[in-house]
């Protein structure tokens, strides 16, 4: 490697050392190790360091075609140490500020979405439900009104026959009335026997099916 290439490689590795410090702080900030399972922390750590190693090697590949030297590891350590001593506190404050900004922005967007989209949809649903209930009650009221009107019309139509029947019944002699009443009582008893017989047959069929 030429001196220029070596110098650029040193600067790149120092920069990657600072990058490793920032990436590690960011990773630890979002990982919450105490709240995670040990196996999950282990898997995340392996993936994190694998990605960082690939990034360092990619930068090294761009600068000097991937040639490794011992002093490059020292440059990485120097960059990491420089970040820890000079930039870490500032970076952590900036990172926290961006996190708080992102959280507040997300809350504002969520509130806007709730007021602009969710609440109008809820109000529309409530209005639609109220209209459906009103329409259902209107249909029920209309049906009751029509049934009552039909019943009243039937009563009025058959009123002359009822009056005629009452008048005829009053003109029947008491002896005839007793015979008619006896006939209807027998007819009612016969209908009751038929009903009881049907029930017994139904019970017998149910037992036979079991």
C-alpha atoms as a PDB file:
ATOM      1  CA  UNK A   1       0.000   0.000   0.000  1.00  0.00           C
ATOM      2  CA  UNK A   2       1.140   3.548  -0.660  1.00  0.00           C
ATOM      3  CA  UNK A   3       1.527   6.086   2.132  1.00  0.00           C
ATOM      4  CA  UNK A   4      -1.619   7.889   0.976  1.00  0.00           C
ATOM      5  CA  UNK A   5      -3.606   4.665   1.058  1.00  0.00           C
ATOM      6  CA  UNK A   6      -2.241   3.837   4.501  1.00  0.00           C
ATOM      7  CA  UNK A   7      -3.148   7.303   5.764  1.00  0.00           C
ATOM      8  CA  UNK A   8      -6.700   7.054   4.361  1.00  0.00           C
ATOM      9  CA  UNK A   9      -7.038   3.580   5.838  1.00  0.00           C
ATOM     10  CA  UNK A  10      -5.964   4.886   9.269  1.00  0.00           C
ATOM     11  CA  UNK A  11      -8.499   7.713   9.081  1.00  0.00           C
ATOM     12  CA  UNK A  12     -11.215   5.312   7.923  1.00  0.00           C
ATOM     13  CA  UNK A  13     -10.493   2.910  10.795  1.00  0.00           C
ATOM     14  CA  UNK A  14     -10.454   5.751  13.329  1.00  0.00           C
ATOM     15  CA  UNK A  15     -13.824   6.856  11.956  1.00  0.00           C
ATOM     16  CA  UNK A  16     -15.124   3.287  12.125  1.00  0.00           C
ATOM     17  CA  UNK A  17     -13.950   3.095  15.736  1.00  0.00           C
ATOM     18  CA  UNK A  18     -16.083   6.158  16.514  1.00  0.00           C
ATOM     19  CA  UNK A  19     -18.917   4.598  14.559  1.00  0.00           C
ATOM     20  CA  UNK A  20     -18.646   1.411  16.641  1.00  0.00           C
ATOM     21  CA  UNK A  21     -18.945   3.500  19.819  1.00  0.00           C
ATOM     22  CA  UNK A  22     -22.060   5.296  18.562  1.00  0.00           C
ATOM     23  CA  UNK A  23     -23.605   2.090  17.263  1.00  0.00           C
ATOM     24  CA  UNK A  24     -22.948   0.313  20.568  1.00  0.00           C
ATOM     25  CA  UNK A  25     -24.546   3.120  22.601  1.00  0.00           C
ATOM     26  CA  UNK A  26     -27.539   3.192  20.271  1.00  0.00           C
ATOM     27  CA  UNK A  27     -27.861  -0.585  20.411  1.00  0.00           C
ATOM     28  CA  UNK A  28     -27.714  -0.662  24.219  1.00  0.00           C
ATOM     29  CA  UNK A  29     -30.213   2.193  24.435  1.00  0.00           C
ATOM     30  CA  UNK A  30     -32.851   0.288  22.464  1.00  0.00           C
ATOM     31  CA  UNK A  31     -32.083  -3.258  23.620  1.00  0.00           C
ATOM     32  CA  UNK A  32     -33.104  -2.977  27.329  1.00  0.00           C
ATOM     33  CA  UNK A  33     -30.988  -5.922  28.432  1.00  0.00           C
ATOM     34  CA  UNK A  34     -32.618  -6.248  31.854  1.00  0.00           C
ATOM     35  CA  UNK A  35     -36.054  -6.713  30.325  1.00  0.00           C
ATOM     36  CA  UNK A  36     -34.988  -9.259  27.688  1.00  0.00           C
ATOM     37  CA  UNK A  37     -34.405 -12.990  27.935  1.00  0.00           C
ATOM     38  CA  UNK A  38     -30.740 -14.054  28.083  1.00  0.00           C
ATOM     39  CA  UNK A  39     -30.918 -16.125  24.916  1.00  0.00           C
ATOM     40  CA  UNK A  40     -32.497 -13.241  23.015  1.00  0.00           C
ATOM     41  CA  UNK A  41     -29.767 -10.856  24.222  1.00  0.00           C
ATOM     42  CA  UNK A  42     -27.139 -13.360  23.100  1.00  0.00           C
ATOM     43  CA  UNK A  43     -28.663 -13.682  19.622  1.00  0.00           C
ATOM     44  CA  UNK A  44     -28.944  -9.901  19.277  1.00  0.00           C
ATOM     45  CA  UNK A  45     -25.333  -9.408  20.369  1.00  0.00           C
ATOM     46  CA  UNK A  46     -24.067 -11.945  17.835  1.00  0.00           C
ATOM     47  CA  UNK A  47     -26.066 -10.334  15.032  1.00  0.00           C
ATOM     48  CA  UNK A  48     -24.979  -6.828  16.057  1.00  0.00           C
ATOM     49  CA  UNK A  49     -21.271  -7.616  16.083  1.00  0.00           C
ATOM     50  CA  UNK A  50     -21.555  -9.611  12.855  1.00  0.00           C
ATOM     51  CA  UNK A  51     -23.118  -6.609  11.112  1.00  0.00           C
ATOM     52  CA  UNK A  52     -20.478  -4.242  12.523  1.00  0.00           C
ATOM     53  CA  UNK A  53     -17.663  -6.551  11.394  1.00  0.00           C
ATOM     54  CA  UNK A  54     -19.143  -6.654   7.894  1.00  0.00           C
ATOM     55  CA  UNK A  55     -19.384  -2.851   7.832  1.00  0.00           C
ATOM     56  CA  UNK A  56     -15.762  -2.449   8.939  1.00  0.00           C
ATOM     57  CA  UNK A  57     -14.572  -4.947   6.357  1.00  0.00           C
ATOM     58  CA  UNK A  58     -16.653  -3.229   3.645  1.00  0.00           C
ATOM     59  CA  UNK A  59     -15.080   0.156   4.436  1.00  0.00           C
ATOM     60  CA  UNK A  60     -11.652  -1.480   4.488  1.00  0.00           C
ATOM     61  CA  UNK A  61     -12.431  -3.065   1.138  1.00  0.00           C
ATOM     62  CA  UNK A  62     -13.326   0.317  -0.335  1.00  0.00           C
ATOM     63  CA  UNK A  63     -10.182   2.002   1.005  1.00  0.00           C
ATOM     64  CA  UNK A  64      -7.380  -0.526   0.515  1.00  0.00           C
ATOM     65  CA  UNK A  65      -9.040  -3.521  -1.168  1.00  0.00           C
ATOM     66  CA  UNK A  66      -9.448  -5.355   2.131  1.00  0.00           C
ATOM     67  CA  UNK A  67      -5.823  -5.614   3.264  1.00  0.00           C
ATOM     68  CA  UNK A  68      -5.533  -6.161   7.025  1.00  0.00           C
ATOM     69  CA  UNK A  69      -2.713  -4.753   9.122  1.00  0.00           C
ATOM     70  CA  UNK A  70      -2.163  -4.877  12.872  1.00  0.00           C
ATOM     71  CA  UNK A  71      -2.120  -1.110  13.214  1.00  0.00           C
ATOM     72  CA  UNK A  72      -5.636  -0.973  11.749  1.00  0.00           C
ATOM     73  CA  UNK A  73      -6.964  -2.610  14.927  1.00  0.00           C
ATOM     74  CA  UNK A  74      -5.080   0.003  16.931  1.00  0.00           C
ATOM     75  CA  UNK A  75      -6.732   2.697  14.793  1.00  0.00           C
ATOM     76  CA  UNK A  76     -10.142   1.189  15.577  1.00  0.00           C
ATOM     77  CA  UNK A  77      -9.332   1.268  19.289  1.00  0.00           C
ATOM     78  CA  UNK A  78      -8.096   4.862  19.020  1.00  0.00           C
ATOM     79  CA  UNK A  79     -11.305   5.932  17.280  1.00  0.00           C
ATOM     80  CA  UNK A  80     -13.425   4.135  19.863  1.00  0.00           C
ATOM     81  CA  UNK A  81     -11.442   5.670  22.741  1.00  0.00           C
ATOM     82  CA  UNK A  82     -11.679   9.152  21.179  1.00  0.00           C
ATOM     83  CA  UNK A  83     -15.442   8.766  20.895  1.00  0.00           C
ATOM     84  CA  UNK A  84     -15.782   7.575  24.497  1.00  0.00           C
ATOM     85  CA  UNK A  85     -13.737  10.457  25.880  1.00  0.00           C
ATOM     86  CA  UNK A  86     -14.822  13.330  23.632  1.00  0.00           C
ATOM     87  CA  UNK A  87     -18.151  12.675  21.925  1.00  0.00           C
ATOM     88  CA  UNK A  88     -20.062  10.082  23.924  1.00  0.00           C
ATOM     89  CA  UNK A  89     -21.885  12.458  26.302  1.00  0.00           C
ATOM     90  CA  UNK A  90     -22.876  14.766  23.444  1.00  0.00           C
ATOM     91  CA  UNK A  91     -24.030  11.871  21.270  1.00  0.00           C
ATOM     92  CA  UNK A  92     -26.091  10.340  24.080  1.00  0.00           C
ATOM     93  CA  UNK A  93     -27.850  13.674  24.688  1.00  0.00           C
ATOM     94  CA  UNK A  94     -28.530  14.097  20.961  1.00  0.00           C
ATOM     95  CA  UNK A  95     -29.776  10.507  20.741  1.00  0.00           C
ATOM     96  CA  UNK A  96     -32.157  11.026  23.667  1.00  0.00           C
ATOM     97  CA  UNK A  97     -33.387  14.253  22.095  1.00  0.00           C
ATOM     98  CA  UNK A  98     -34.131  12.477  18.818  1.00  0.00           C
ATOM     99  CA  UNK A  99     -35.871   9.644  20.659  1.00  0.00           C
ATOM    100  CA  UNK A 100     -38.062  12.081  22.580  1.00  0.00           C
ATOM    101  CA  UNK A 101     -38.780  13.964  19.362  1.00  0.00           C
ATOM    102  CA  UNK A 102     -39.758  10.743  17.609  1.00  0.00           C
ATOM    103  CA  UNK A 103     -41.990   9.716  20.526  1.00  0.00           C
ATOM    104  CA  UNK A 104     -43.723  13.099  20.638  1.00  0.00           C
ATOM    105  CA  UNK A 105     -44.126  13.133  16.877  1.00  0.00           C
ATOM    106  CA  UNK A 106     -45.620   9.641  16.994  1.00  0.00           C
ATOM    107  CA  UNK A 107     -48.023  10.681  19.753  1.00  0.00           C
ATOM    108  CA  UNK A 108     -49.087  13.749  17.782  1.00  0.00           C
ATOM    109  CA  UNK A 109     -49.627  11.654  14.654  1.00  0.00           C
ATOM    110  CA  UNK A 110     -51.603   9.102  16.682  1.00  0.00           C
ATOM    111  CA  UNK A 111     -53.774  11.852  18.201  1.00  0.00           C
ATOM    112  CA  UNK A 112     -54.379  13.393  14.782  1.00  0.00           C
ATOM    113  CA  UNK A 113     -55.244   9.995  13.342  1.00  0.00           C
ATOM    114  CA  UNK A 114     -57.631   9.371  16.234  1.00  0.00           C
ATOM    115  CA  UNK A 115     -59.386  12.733  15.836  1.00  0.00           C
ATOM    116  CA  UNK A 116     -59.361  12.845  12.026  1.00  0.00           C
ATOM    117  CA  UNK A 117     -60.059   9.193  11.146  1.00  0.00           C
ATOM    118  CA  UNK A 118     -61.131   7.079  14.117  1.00  0.00           C
ATOM    119  CA  UNK A 119     -63.622   9.437  15.761  1.00  0.00           C
ATOM    120  CA  UNK A 120     -65.455  10.352  12.521  1.00  0.00           C
ATOM    121  CA  UNK A 121     -65.738   6.646  11.703  1.00  0.00           C
ATOM    122  CA  UNK A 122     -67.083   5.925  15.188  1.00  0.00           C
ATOM    123  CA  UNK A 123     -69.599   8.770  14.878  1.00  0.00           C
ATOM    124  CA  UNK A 124     -70.684   7.547  11.453  1.00  0.00           C
ATOM    125  CA  UNK A 125     -71.121   4.042  12.845  1.00  0.00           C
ATOM    126  CA  UNK A 126     -73.164   5.337  15.761  1.00  0.00           C
ATOM    127  CA  UNK A 127     -75.327   7.415  13.416  1.00  0.00           C
ATOM    128  CA  UNK A 128     -75.845   4.428  11.112  1.00  0.00           C
ATOM    129  CA  UNK A 129     -76.786   2.234  14.073  1.00  0.00           C
ATOM    130  CA  UNK A 130     -79.189   4.889  15.366  1.00  0.00           C
ATOM    131  CA  UNK A 131     -80.807   5.156  11.926  1.00  0.00           C
ATOM    132  CA  UNK A 132     -81.156   1.371  11.720  1.00  0.00           C
ATOM    133  CA  UNK A 133     -82.753   1.234  15.163  1.00  0.00           C
ATOM    134  CA  UNK A 134     -85.098   4.079  14.232  1.00  0.00           C
ATOM    135  CA  UNK A 135     -86.041   2.346  10.980  1.00  0.00           C
ATOM    136  CA  UNK A 136     -86.631  -0.934  12.833  1.00  0.00           C
ATOM    137  CA  UNK A 137     -88.846   0.754  15.407  1.00  0.00           C
ATOM    138  CA  UNK A 138     -90.696   2.557  12.634  1.00  0.00           C
ATOM    139  CA  UNK A 139     -91.301  -0.739  10.833  1.00  0.00           C
ATOM    140  CA  UNK A 140     -92.534  -2.375  14.049  1.00  0.00           C
ATOM    141  CA  UNK A 141     -94.816   0.581  14.824  1.00  0.00           C
ATOM    142  CA  UNK A 142     -96.150   0.599  11.252  1.00  0.00           C
ATOM    143  CA  UNK A 143     -96.774  -3.148  11.390  1.00  0.00           C
ATOM    144  CA  UNK A 144     -98.621  -2.858  14.700  1.00  0.00           C
ATOM    145  CA  UNK A 145    -100.665   0.039  13.362  1.00  0.00           C
ATOM    146  CA  UNK A 146    -101.603  -1.876  10.210  1.00  0.00           C
ATOM    147  CA  UNK A 147    -102.500  -5.008  12.192  1.00  0.00           C
ATOM    148  CA  UNK A 148    -104.624  -2.966  14.555  1.00  0.00           C
ATOM    149  CA  UNK A 149    -106.294  -1.212  11.628  1.00  0.00           C
ATOM    150  CA  UNK A 150    -106.999  -4.567   9.926  1.00  0.00           C
ATOM    151  CA  UNK A 151    -108.356  -5.969  13.190  1.00  0.00           C
ATOM    152  CA  UNK A 152    -110.633  -2.973  13.670  1.00  0.00           C
ATOM    153  CA  UNK A 153    -111.809  -3.282  10.066  1.00  0.00           C
ATOM    154  CA  UNK A 154    -112.544  -7.003  10.543  1.00  0.00           C
ATOM    155  CA  UNK A 155    -114.427  -6.271  13.767  1.00  0.00           C
ATOM    156  CA  UNK A 156    -116.486  -3.607  12.002  1.00  0.00           C
ATOM    157  CA  UNK A 157    -117.182  -5.893   9.048  1.00  0.00           C
ATOM    158  CA  UNK A 158    -118.330  -8.759  11.245  1.00  0.00           C
ATOM    159  CA  UNK A 159    -120.174  -6.542  13.726  1.00  0.00           C
ATOM    160  CA  UNK A 160    -123.537  -6.948  11.928  1.00  0.00           C
ATOM    161  CA  UNK A 161    -123.139 -10.745  11.977  1.00  0.00           C
ATOM    162  CA  UNK A 162    -122.271 -10.589  15.681  1.00  0.00           C
ATOM    163  CA  UNK A 163    -125.260  -8.445  16.453  1.00  0.00           C
ATOM    164  CA  UNK A 164    -127.461 -10.718  14.368  1.00  0.00           C
ATOM    165  CA  UNK A 165    -126.102 -13.790  16.167  1.00  0.00           C
ATOM    166  CA  UNK A 166    -126.695 -12.200  19.566  1.00  0.00           C
ATOM    167  CA  UNK A 167    -130.240 -11.283  18.582  1.00  0.00           C
ATOM    168  CA  UNK A 168    -130.927 -14.782  17.261  1.00  0.00           C
ATOM    169  CA  UNK A 169    -129.421 -16.341  20.390  1.00  0.00           C
ATOM    170  CA  UNK A 170    -131.647 -14.267  22.621  1.00  0.00           C
ATOM    171  CA  UNK A 171    -134.714 -15.397  20.684  1.00  0.00           C
ATOM    172  CA  UNK A 172    -133.843 -19.093  21.096  1.00  0.00           C
ATOM    173  CA  UNK A 173    -135.849 -20.719  23.894  1.00  0.00           C
ATOM    174  CA  UNK A 174    -133.899 -21.618  27.063  1.00  0.00           C
ATOM    175  CA  UNK A 175    -134.334 -25.335  26.429  1.00  0.00           C
ATOM    176  CA  UNK A 176    -132.764 -24.990  23.001  1.00  0.00           C
ATOM    177  CA  UNK A 177    -129.947 -22.879  24.454  1.00  0.00           C
ATOM    178  CA  UNK A 178    -129.119 -25.608  26.969  1.00  0.00           C
ATOM    179  CA  UNK A 179    -128.968 -28.172  24.157  1.00  0.00           C
ATOM    180  CA  UNK A 180    -126.670 -25.970  22.069  1.00  0.00           C
ATOM    181  CA  UNK A 181    -124.405 -25.264  25.054  1.00  0.00           C
ATOM    182  CA  UNK A 182    -124.270 -28.979  25.840  1.00  0.00           C
ATOM    183  CA  UNK A 183    -123.364 -29.707  22.213  1.00  0.00           C
ATOM    184  CA  UNK A 184    -120.506 -27.219  22.256  1.00  0.00           C
ATOM    185  CA  UNK A 185    -119.247 -28.591  25.586  1.00  0.00           C
ATOM    186  CA  UNK A 186    -119.171 -32.077  24.121  1.00  0.00           C
ATOM    187  CA  UNK A 187    -117.449 -30.763  21.034  1.00  0.00           C
ATOM    188  CA  UNK A 188    -114.848 -29.051  23.227  1.00  0.00           C
ATOM    189  CA  UNK A 189    -114.311 -32.237  25.238  1.00  0.00           C
ATOM    190  CA  UNK A 190    -113.921 -34.252  22.040  1.00  0.00           C
ATOM    191  CA  UNK A 191    -111.322 -31.779  20.784  1.00  0.00           C
ATOM    192  CA  UNK A 192    -109.475 -32.099  24.123  1.00  0.00           C
ATOM    193  CA  UNK A 193    -109.439 -35.892  23.818  1.00  0.00           C
ATOM    194  CA  UNK A 194    -108.034 -35.620  20.309  1.00  0.00           C
ATOM    195  CA  UNK A 195    -105.313 -33.313  21.579  1.00  0.00           C
ATOM    196  CA  UNK A 196    -104.445 -35.673  24.445  1.00  0.00           C
ATOM    197  CA  UNK A 197    -104.300 -38.593  22.042  1.00  0.00           C
ATOM    198  CA  UNK A 198    -101.946 -36.678  19.758  1.00  0.00           C
ATOM    199  CA  UNK A 199     -99.697 -35.881  22.718  1.00  0.00           C
ATOM    200  CA  UNK A 200     -99.622 -39.536  23.813  1.00  0.00           C
ATOM    201  CA  UNK A 201     -98.795 -40.657  20.278  1.00  0.00           C
ATOM    202  CA  UNK A 202     -96.021 -38.059  20.083  1.00  0.00           C
ATOM    203  CA  UNK A 203     -94.556 -39.237  23.395  1.00  0.00           C
ATOM    204  CA  UNK A 204     -94.741 -42.865  22.289  1.00  0.00           C
ATOM    205  CA  UNK A 205     -92.994 -42.067  19.012  1.00  0.00           C
ATOM    206  CA  UNK A 206     -90.297 -40.132  20.867  1.00  0.00           C
ATOM    207  CA  UNK A 207     -89.656 -43.073  23.199  1.00  0.00           C
ATOM    208  CA  UNK A 208     -89.635 -45.488  20.258  1.00  0.00           C
ATOM    209  CA  UNK A 209     -87.073 -43.382  18.405  1.00  0.00           C
ATOM    210  CA  UNK A 210     -84.741 -43.416  21.425  1.00  0.00           C
END
